[in-house]
Amino acid sequence: MTAALTDTVPTISPTARRRVLLKRSGAAAAGLAALAWPAVAGPYAVTVAATALVFAVLAVSTQLLVGPAGLPAFGQAAYFGIGAYTAALLSRAGHTLAVEQLAAAIVVAAIAGALTAPIVLRTRGTAFLMATLAVQSLATTAASQWRTLTGGDEGISTSALTLWPGGHALAAPGFIYWYVLGVTALAGAAVAVLLRSRLMLIVRGIGGQEARMTALGHRTTLRLAAAYIVAAALAGAGGALLIAVNRYVSPSDMNFDAASLALLAATIGARSPLGAALGAIAIIVVRDAVGISSGGLTPLLLGVLFLLVAYRRSAITALIRLRGRYTAGHRS
């Protein structure tokens, strides 16, 4: 009896154990490197890293729709900008507390997502992409034209954040980076929990077979709307972090370029939020660090990155085949 029970218990192979150990070791090393970054890098590199984390949050909010739901979302930059303007207006009114700005940005962006979800979710596929593009374009135009509230194209400058009432302002790049890193880590943990929820399991089913999920009795549009609102709220949190880093917001922070970068990063990590976050970090590093020293070749570098993403599977397959032929030739 005991032997029979023992035979039914799944065993983990040594190779699988080594893979798990390597993943955990790599994650621990990456976490330590992220924490230590302000101690080893200059102010500009620290600011670039903080900006990369901000766009990682935006990319993850896009990936929640592109990946599990199968919706090519182009409008997350609109909720990103709404969150940024909410935090900026609070700062201009004298509310510099980080928690207040972050919470308000999340709530207002979620409300905006709830208002626009019934419109964009009438569509799917390319039509959904165009509908979300319209949301992004209208939001950018409103930010540009509503000068009494948003400052128009000149934007809004803000004061530095404080972590608690009466506390010192977060002025040093290192402290701002650590704040952004902490919020990003919390957002990542929340997304990890969300992906294991019943809601996201249903959303994955809808993304794969919406007709079948409807036949099973699921209210697919309502479920997708819930995911859409959550993604909008996450984008709003990224907008609040943008204010923490730049202390400034303008319509250019939510324009076509920002939306394109978010969708590109989400495409890089279509299978996982972590991949989207790493894709966003790579894009910002290419744009703000490598691009500056490349003599104006930033668009070319981003184009190469896009091509690598688009053809990465074909390229990897070709390299594997080439390596196999090379090995076979040497053996013969």
Protein backbone atom coordinates (compact mmCIF):
# COMPACT_ATOMS: atom_id res chain seq x y z
CA MET A 1 0.00 0.00 0.00
CA THR A 2 2.78 2.41 0.96
CA ALA A 3 4.72 1.53 -2.17
CA ALA A 4 1.66 2.20 -4.29
CA LEU A 5 1.17 5.61 -2.71
CA THR A 6 4.83 6.39 -3.19
CA ASP A 7 4.60 5.51 -6.86
CA THR A 8 1.77 8.00 -7.38
CA VAL A 9 3.65 10.94 -5.86
CA PRO A 10 5.18 13.04 -8.66
CA THR A 11 8.93 13.38 -8.53
CA ILE A 12 10.98 16.36 -9.68
CA SER A 13 13.88 15.56 -11.94
CA PRO A 14 17.35 16.94 -11.17
CA THR A 15 17.20 19.03 -14.34
CA ALA A 16 13.93 20.65 -13.26
CA ARG A 17 15.38 21.34 -9.81
CA ARG A 18 18.40 23.01 -11.34
CA ARG A 19 16.15 25.17 -13.52
CA VAL A 20 14.10 26.26 -10.52
CA LEU A 21 17.27 27.00 -8.56
CA LEU A 22 18.69 29.02 -11.45
CA LYS A 23 15.47 31.01 -11.80
CA ARG A 24 15.35 31.77 -8.10
CA SER A 25 19.03 32.69 -8.02
CA GLY A 26 18.60 34.93 -11.05
CA ALA A 27 15.58 36.63 -9.51
CA ALA A 28 17.45 37.20 -6.25
CA ALA A 29 20.47 38.60 -8.09
CA ALA A 30 18.27 40.89 -10.18
CA GLY A 31 16.49 42.13 -7.05
CA LEU A 32 19.76 42.89 -5.28
CA ALA A 33 21.10 44.66 -8.37
CA ALA A 34 17.94 46.76 -8.62
CA LEU A 35 18.18 47.76 -4.97
CA ALA A 36 21.87 48.62 -5.23
CA TRP A 37 21.60 50.53 -8.51
CA PRO A 38 21.59 54.06 -7.00
CA ALA A 39 24.76 53.22 -5.09
CA VAL A 40 26.75 52.30 -8.19
CA ALA A 41 25.24 54.48 -10.94
CA GLY A 42 25.20 58.20 -11.63
CA PRO A 43 22.13 60.45 -11.27
CA TYR A 44 21.20 60.25 -14.96
CA ALA A 45 21.42 56.45 -15.06
CA VAL A 46 19.31 56.26 -11.90
CA THR A 47 16.67 58.52 -13.47
CA VAL A 48 16.64 56.41 -16.63
CA ALA A 49 16.14 53.30 -14.50
CA ALA A 50 13.24 54.94 -12.65
CA THR A 51 11.67 55.96 -15.97
CA ALA A 52 12.07 52.40 -17.22
CA LEU A 53 10.19 51.13 -14.17
CA VAL A 54 7.38 53.62 -14.83
CA PHE A 55 6.99 52.39 -18.39
CA ALA A 56 7.21 48.80 -17.15
CA VAL A 57 4.01 49.41 -15.17
CA LEU A 58 2.36 50.86 -18.28
CA ALA A 59 3.54 47.89 -20.37
CA VAL A 60 2.17 45.38 -17.85
CA SER A 61 -1.21 47.12 -17.91
CA THR A 62 -1.20 46.73 -21.69
CA GLN A 63 -0.07 43.11 -21.51
CA LEU A 64 -3.03 42.22 -19.27
CA LEU A 65 -5.22 42.94 -22.30
CA VAL A 66 -2.90 41.82 -25.10
CA GLY A 67 -1.97 38.53 -23.44
CA PRO A 68 -4.76 36.89 -21.41
CA ALA A 69 -7.67 38.71 -23.09
CA GLY A 70 -6.24 38.69 -26.62
CA LEU A 71 -7.18 42.35 -27.07
CA PRO A 72 -4.63 44.53 -28.96
CA ALA A 73 -4.95 47.57 -26.70
CA PHE A 74 -3.48 50.84 -27.90
CA GLY A 75 -5.20 53.18 -25.46
CA GLN A 76 -3.50 52.45 -22.14
CA ALA A 77 -1.42 55.60 -22.55
CA ALA A 78 -4.68 57.56 -22.12
CA TYR A 79 -5.22 56.17 -18.61
CA PHE A 80 -1.51 56.59 -17.94
CA GLY A 81 -1.89 60.29 -18.76
CA ILE A 82 -5.10 60.59 -16.74
CA GLY A 83 -3.30 59.19 -13.71
CA ALA A 84 -0.37 61.55 -14.26
CA TYR A 85 -2.61 64.61 -14.58
CA THR A 86 -4.57 63.58 -11.48
CA ALA A 87 -1.37 63.37 -9.44
CA ALA A 88 -0.09 66.64 -10.92
CA LEU A 89 -3.30 68.53 -10.11
CA LEU A 90 -3.20 67.23 -6.54
CA SER A 91 0.40 68.36 -6.24
CA ARG A 92 -0.47 71.80 -7.59
CA ALA A 93 -3.21 72.01 -4.96
CA GLY A 94 -0.65 71.32 -2.23
CA HIS A 95 -1.28 67.58 -1.76
CA THR A 96 2.24 66.20 -2.17
CA LEU A 97 1.74 63.01 -0.15
CA ALA A 98 2.74 60.06 -2.31
CA VAL A 99 -0.04 57.76 -1.10
CA GLU A 100 -2.72 60.35 -1.85
CA GLN A 101 -1.48 60.94 -5.37
CA LEU A 102 -1.09 57.24 -6.11
CA ALA A 103 -4.53 56.32 -4.77
CA ALA A 104 -6.26 59.19 -6.57
CA ALA A 105 -4.54 58.36 -9.85
CA ILE A 106 -5.63 54.72 -9.60
CA VAL A 107 -9.25 55.61 -8.78
CA VAL A 108 -9.65 58.28 -11.48
CA ALA A 109 -8.02 56.08 -14.14
CA ALA A 110 -10.28 53.18 -13.13
CA ILE A 111 -13.34 55.43 -13.47
CA ALA A 112 -12.16 56.53 -16.90
CA GLY A 113 -11.70 52.89 -17.84
CA ALA A 114 -15.20 52.05 -16.63
CA LEU A 115 -16.67 54.88 -18.72
CA THR A 116 -14.88 53.88 -21.92
CA ALA A 117 -15.05 50.08 -21.57
CA PRO A 118 -18.67 49.76 -22.84
CA ILE A 119 -17.65 51.63 -26.00
CA VAL A 120 -14.39 49.88 -26.92
CA LEU A 121 -15.56 46.40 -25.91
CA ARG A 122 -18.24 46.47 -28.58
CA THR A 123 -15.37 45.59 -30.90
CA ARG A 124 -12.68 42.92 -31.16
CA GLY A 125 -9.45 42.44 -33.08
CA THR A 126 -8.33 45.26 -35.35
CA ALA A 127 -11.52 47.21 -34.65
CA PHE A 128 -10.67 47.12 -30.93
CA LEU A 129 -7.18 48.42 -31.72
CA MET A 130 -8.68 51.33 -33.64
CA ALA A 131 -11.23 52.06 -30.92
CA THR A 132 -8.55 52.23 -28.24
CA LEU A 133 -6.43 54.37 -30.57
CA ALA A 134 -9.39 56.77 -30.74
CA VAL A 135 -9.54 56.85 -26.91
CA GLN A 136 -5.83 57.66 -26.77
CA SER A 137 -6.14 60.38 -29.44
CA LEU A 138 -9.15 62.02 -27.76
CA ALA A 139 -7.42 62.00 -24.38
CA THR A 140 -4.29 63.59 -25.84
CA THR A 141 -6.35 66.22 -27.66
CA ALA A 142 -8.31 67.02 -24.50
CA ALA A 143 -5.10 67.43 -22.52
CA SER A 144 -3.75 69.75 -25.20
CA GLN A 145 -6.89 71.88 -25.55
CA TRP A 146 -8.16 72.10 -21.97
CA ARG A 147 -5.58 74.71 -20.99
CA THR A 148 -7.34 75.96 -17.85
CA LEU A 149 -7.03 72.53 -16.26
CA THR A 150 -4.05 70.85 -17.90
CA GLY A 151 -1.91 73.81 -18.94
CA GLY A 152 -2.23 72.80 -22.60
CA ASP A 153 0.94 71.88 -24.46
CA GLU A 154 3.02 73.62 -21.79
CA GLY A 155 1.97 71.00 -19.26
CA ILE A 156 2.04 71.13 -15.47
CA SER A 157 5.10 71.28 -13.23
CA THR A 158 4.75 69.77 -9.77
CA SER A 159 6.42 69.77 -6.39
CA ALA A 160 8.48 66.88 -5.04
CA LEU A 161 6.69 64.05 -3.25
CA THR A 162 6.63 63.41 0.47
CA LEU A 163 6.20 59.96 1.96
CA TRP A 164 4.41 61.11 5.11
CA PRO A 165 2.79 64.35 6.32
CA GLY A 166 5.43 66.91 7.17
CA GLY A 167 8.21 64.69 5.86
CA HIS A 168 11.15 65.72 3.71
CA ALA A 169 10.58 65.98 -0.03
CA LEU A 170 11.92 63.20 -2.26
CA ALA A 171 14.39 65.25 -4.25
CA ALA A 172 17.42 62.96 -4.67
CA PRO A 173 17.22 60.62 -7.71
CA GLY A 174 18.14 57.62 -5.56
CA PHE A 175 15.25 58.08 -3.13
CA ILE A 176 12.81 58.67 -5.99
CA TYR A 177 14.07 55.50 -7.67
CA TRP A 178 13.60 53.44 -4.50
CA TYR A 179 10.06 54.75 -4.12
CA VAL A 180 9.22 53.87 -7.73
CA LEU A 181 10.89 50.47 -7.33
CA GLY A 182 8.82 49.73 -4.21
CA VAL A 183 5.53 50.67 -5.86
CA THR A 184 6.46 48.70 -8.98
CA ALA A 185 7.21 45.64 -6.85
CA LEU A 186 3.84 45.96 -5.08
CA ALA A 187 2.10 46.34 -8.44
CA GLY A 188 3.89 43.25 -9.72
CA ALA A 189 2.80 41.25 -6.68
CA ALA A 190 -0.79 42.41 -7.16
CA VAL A 191 -0.70 41.37 -10.82
CA ALA A 192 0.72 37.96 -9.87
CA VAL A 193 -2.21 37.42 -7.49
CA LEU A 194 -4.67 38.71 -10.10
CA LEU A 195 -3.42 36.27 -12.74
CA ARG A 196 -4.29 33.37 -10.42
CA SER A 197 -7.80 34.68 -9.80
CA ARG A 198 -10.98 33.20 -11.25
CA LEU A 199 -11.55 36.41 -13.21
CA MET A 200 -8.33 36.08 -15.19
CA LEU A 201 -8.88 32.36 -15.76
CA ILE A 202 -12.18 33.22 -17.39
CA VAL A 203 -10.58 36.10 -19.31
CA ARG A 204 -7.96 33.68 -20.69
CA GLY A 205 -10.76 31.41 -21.82
CA ILE A 206 -12.49 34.33 -23.50
CA GLY A 207 -9.28 35.35 -25.21
CA GLY A 208 -8.91 31.85 -26.64
CA GLN A 209 -12.51 30.83 -27.36
CA GLU A 210 -15.03 33.61 -26.70
CA ALA A 211 -17.90 31.85 -28.47
CA ARG A 212 -17.41 28.72 -26.39
CA MET A 213 -17.21 30.71 -23.15
CA THR A 214 -20.45 32.48 -24.08
CA ALA A 215 -22.10 29.15 -24.77
CA LEU A 216 -21.03 27.99 -21.30
CA GLY A 217 -23.01 30.86 -19.80
CA HIS A 218 -20.25 33.36 -19.05
CA ARG A 219 -21.01 37.06 -19.52
CA THR A 220 -17.91 37.63 -21.60
CA THR A 221 -18.22 41.37 -22.19
CA LEU A 222 -18.73 41.98 -18.46
CA ARG A 223 -15.65 39.92 -17.60
CA LEU A 224 -13.57 41.71 -20.20
CA ALA A 225 -14.81 45.05 -18.85
CA ALA A 226 -13.58 44.10 -15.37
CA ALA A 227 -10.14 43.24 -16.76
CA TYR A 228 -10.14 46.46 -18.78
CA ILE A 229 -10.88 48.56 -15.69
CA VAL A 230 -8.13 46.81 -13.71
CA ALA A 231 -5.66 47.47 -16.56
CA ALA A 232 -6.72 51.13 -16.66
CA ALA A 233 -6.18 51.45 -12.90
CA LEU A 234 -2.70 49.96 -13.23
CA ALA A 235 -1.87 52.39 -16.02
CA GLY A 236 -3.07 55.22 -13.76
CA ALA A 237 -0.65 54.05 -11.07
CA GLY A 238 2.13 54.29 -13.66
CA GLY A 239 1.05 57.87 -14.38
CA ALA A 240 1.41 58.78 -10.72
CA LEU A 241 4.91 57.30 -10.74
CA LEU A 242 5.74 59.40 -13.80
CA ILE A 243 5.00 62.53 -11.76
CA ALA A 244 7.27 61.24 -9.00
CA VAL A 245 10.16 60.90 -11.46
CA ASN A 246 9.70 63.85 -13.82
CA ARG A 247 7.70 66.27 -11.62
CA TYR A 248 6.09 67.35 -14.90
CA VAL A 249 3.39 66.13 -17.27
CA SER A 250 2.27 67.25 -20.72
CA PRO A 251 0.22 65.77 -23.58
CA SER A 252 3.41 64.29 -25.04
CA ASP A 253 3.49 61.82 -22.14
CA MET A 254 0.33 60.14 -23.46
CA ASN A 255 0.77 60.63 -27.20
CA PHE A 256 1.07 58.11 -30.05
CA ASP A 257 4.74 57.41 -29.31
CA ALA A 258 4.06 56.48 -25.67
CA ALA A 259 1.18 54.22 -26.72
CA SER A 260 3.36 52.57 -29.40
CA LEU A 261 6.16 51.86 -26.93
CA ALA A 262 3.69 50.33 -24.47
CA LEU A 263 2.19 48.07 -27.13
CA LEU A 264 5.66 47.07 -28.36
CA ALA A 265 6.72 46.14 -24.84
CA ALA A 266 3.49 44.18 -24.34
CA THR A 267 4.17 42.36 -27.61
CA ILE A 268 7.65 41.46 -26.40
CA GLY A 269 6.15 39.90 -23.28
CA ALA A 270 2.87 38.70 -24.77
CA ARG A 271 3.00 35.56 -22.65
CA SER A 272 3.85 37.14 -19.30
CA PRO A 273 3.75 40.47 -17.46
CA LEU A 274 7.40 40.00 -16.51
CA GLY A 275 8.33 39.78 -20.17
CA ALA A 276 6.39 42.99 -20.86
CA ALA A 277 8.15 44.74 -17.99
CA LEU A 278 11.57 43.62 -19.22
CA GLY A 279 10.62 44.69 -22.73
CA ALA A 280 9.70 48.16 -21.49
CA ILE A 281 12.98 48.43 -19.61
CA ALA A 282 14.90 47.43 -22.75
CA ILE A 283 13.02 49.99 -24.85
CA ILE A 284 13.67 52.86 -22.42
CA VAL A 285 17.34 51.92 -22.13
CA VAL A 286 17.64 51.95 -25.93
CA ARG A 287 15.75 55.23 -26.18
CA ASP A 288 17.23 57.20 -23.28
CA ALA A 289 20.66 55.67 -22.68
CA VAL A 290 21.99 53.91 -25.77
CA GLY A 291 20.16 56.21 -28.17
CA ILE A 292 21.80 59.36 -26.85
CA SER A 293 25.29 58.02 -27.54
CA SER A 294 24.33 56.56 -30.93
CA GLY A 295 24.36 59.84 -32.84
CA GLY A 296 20.63 60.07 -33.52
CA LEU A 297 20.08 56.41 -34.34
CA THR A 298 17.36 55.88 -31.73
CA PRO A 299 14.55 55.24 -34.28
CA LEU A 300 16.77 52.74 -36.10
CA LEU A 301 17.62 50.93 -32.86
CA LEU A 302 13.96 50.76 -31.85
CA GLY A 303 13.12 49.47 -35.33
CA VAL A 304 15.73 46.73 -35.00
CA LEU A 305 14.32 45.84 -31.59
CA PHE A 306 10.83 45.59 -33.08
CA LEU A 307 12.07 43.32 -35.87
CA LEU A 308 13.84 41.09 -33.35
CA VAL A 309 10.56 40.79 -31.45
CA ALA A 310 8.50 40.15 -34.55
CA TYR A 311 10.81 37.45 -35.90
CA ARG A 312 12.36 36.12 -32.70
CA ARG A 313 10.85 32.65 -33.05
CA SER A 314 11.92 32.30 -36.68
CA ALA A 315 15.40 33.57 -35.83
CA ILE A 316 15.78 31.19 -32.89
CA THR A 317 14.58 28.25 -35.01
CA ALA A 318 17.01 29.18 -37.78
CA LEU A 319 19.91 29.40 -35.31
CA ILE A 320 19.04 26.00 -33.83
CA ARG A 321 18.93 24.43 -37.31
CA LEU A 322 22.21 26.09 -38.28
CA ARG A 323 23.85 24.83 -35.11
CA GLY A 324 22.52 21.33 -35.79
CA ARG A 325 23.93 21.32 -39.30
CA TYR A 326 27.27 22.65 -38.06
CA THR A 327 27.47 19.94 -35.38
CA ALA A 328 26.44 17.22 -37.81
CA GLY A 329 29.06 18.35 -40.31
CA HIS A 330 31.82 18.18 -37.70
CA ARG A 331 30.70 14.75 -36.55
CA SER A 332 30.80 13.41 -40.08
